[in-house]
Amino acid sequence: MPLPRRFSRIFAVLLLAGLTGCAQFPELDDTFDAEARRAGYPDLVPAETLRADLPQTRIAPQTRTALEVRIAGLRARAARLRGQVIDRPSRARLSQPVTIAEPS
């Protein structure tokens, strides 16, 4: 009895996925030369020492201005979202009881 088309597609996908697990990976040990293998571990230094060489400002002035405009827009949007969702007349209408007419 042949498999339905759907199952044959699933089987093909699983077979291909399984075959990719059998791929030969390159030997990573061959990429390092003898000098790199003999090299010692790097010294551990405090993060402040590494940060001392970085420039203080890395944001361009025009980028800073664009970010400030975007921040202001997002804050205004957040302020609008904090307001009431339903206005007073709609809230009063929604608080009225629902009456269902009896079938005649």
Protein backbone atom coordinates (compact mmCIF):
# COMPACT_ATOMS: atom_id res chain seq x y z
CA MET A 1 0.00 0.00 0.00
CA PRO A 2 1.61 3.33 -1.06
CA LEU A 3 2.04 6.12 1.45
CA PRO A 4 -0.10 9.21 1.06
CA ARG A 5 1.64 12.13 -0.60
CA ARG A 6 1.83 14.10 2.63
CA PHE A 7 3.70 11.34 4.45
CA SER A 8 6.12 10.85 1.58
CA ARG A 9 7.00 14.55 1.66
CA ILE A 10 7.53 14.46 5.40
CA PHE A 11 9.67 11.34 5.02
CA ALA A 12 11.78 13.05 2.32
CA VAL A 13 12.34 16.12 4.47
CA LEU A 14 13.31 14.01 7.49
CA LEU A 15 15.64 11.91 5.35
CA LEU A 16 17.40 15.02 4.00
CA ALA A 17 17.66 16.51 7.49
CA GLY A 18 19.14 13.28 8.77
CA LEU A 19 21.67 13.10 5.96
CA THR A 20 22.96 16.58 6.73
CA GLY A 21 24.01 15.25 10.13
CA CYS A 22 26.36 12.85 8.33
CA ALA A 23 28.29 15.66 6.61
CA GLN A 24 32.07 15.75 6.98
CA PHE A 25 33.26 18.81 8.84
CA PRO A 26 36.70 20.27 8.18
CA GLU A 27 39.35 19.58 10.76
CA LEU A 28 39.69 22.75 12.79
CA ASP A 29 42.95 21.65 14.38
CA ASP A 30 44.70 21.97 11.01
CA THR A 31 43.87 25.68 10.75
CA PHE A 32 46.23 26.68 13.59
CA ASP A 33 49.95 26.84 13.02
CA ALA A 34 52.50 25.58 15.54
CA GLU A 35 53.23 29.08 16.90
CA ALA A 36 49.56 29.67 17.68
CA ARG A 37 49.41 26.32 19.46
CA ARG A 38 52.40 27.22 21.67
CA ALA A 39 51.07 30.68 22.52
CA GLY A 40 49.95 31.19 26.09
CA TYR A 41 46.57 32.36 27.24
CA PRO A 42 45.94 36.12 27.12
CA ASP A 43 46.23 38.06 30.36
CA LEU A 44 43.01 38.83 32.17
CA VAL A 45 42.60 42.57 32.68
CA PRO A 46 39.80 44.62 34.24
CA ALA A 47 37.11 45.81 31.87
CA GLU A 48 37.86 49.44 32.79
CA THR A 49 41.33 49.04 31.27
CA LEU A 50 39.79 47.92 28.00
CA ARG A 51 37.21 50.70 28.00
CA ALA A 52 39.83 53.39 28.65
CA ASP A 53 41.05 53.18 25.04
CA LEU A 54 37.56 53.67 23.56
CA PRO A 55 36.37 57.11 22.51
CA GLN A 56 33.76 58.57 24.85
CA THR A 57 31.16 59.45 22.21
CA ARG A 58 30.56 57.05 19.38
CA ILE A 59 27.24 58.49 18.20
CA ALA A 60 27.32 61.12 15.47
CA PRO A 61 25.46 64.38 16.25
CA GLN A 62 22.90 63.81 13.47
CA THR A 63 22.25 60.30 14.79
CA ARG A 64 21.80 61.66 18.30
CA THR A 65 19.25 64.20 17.01
CA ALA A 66 17.34 61.51 15.09
CA LEU A 67 17.27 59.30 18.18
CA GLU A 68 16.02 62.14 20.37
CA VAL A 69 13.20 62.86 17.90
CA ARG A 70 12.26 59.19 17.83
CA ILE A 71 12.37 58.98 21.64
CA ALA A 72 10.07 62.00 21.92
CA GLY A 73 7.63 60.43 19.45
CA LEU A 74 7.61 57.15 21.33
CA ARG A 75 7.04 58.92 24.66
CA ALA A 76 4.14 60.87 23.17
CA ARG A 77 2.65 57.66 21.80
CA ALA A 78 3.02 55.98 25.20
CA ALA A 79 1.28 58.94 26.86
CA ARG A 80 -1.63 58.63 24.42
CA LEU A 81 -1.90 54.91 25.13
CA ARG A 82 -2.09 55.54 28.87
CA GLY A 83 -5.37 57.44 28.47
CA GLN A 84 -8.84 55.97 28.72
CA VAL A 85 -9.76 53.61 25.94
CA ILE A 86 -13.53 54.00 26.27
CA ASP A 87 -15.01 57.51 26.45
CA ARG A 88 -17.67 58.46 29.05
CA PRO A 89 -20.80 58.16 26.84
CA SER A 90 -19.72 54.72 25.61
CA ARG A 91 -18.89 53.61 29.14
CA ALA A 92 -22.33 54.75 30.37
CA ARG A 93 -24.04 52.87 27.52
CA LEU A 94 -22.02 49.73 28.23
CA SER A 95 -22.92 49.84 31.94
CA GLN A 96 -26.65 49.63 31.14
CA PRO A 97 -28.20 46.20 31.71
CA VAL A 98 -28.97 44.11 28.67
CA THR A 99 -32.60 43.20 28.25
CA ILE A 100 -33.64 40.38 25.98
CA ALA A 101 -37.16 40.49 24.61
CA GLU A 102 -39.29 37.43 25.24
CA PRO A 103 -40.16 35.51 22.08
CA SER A 104 -43.79 35.95 21.17
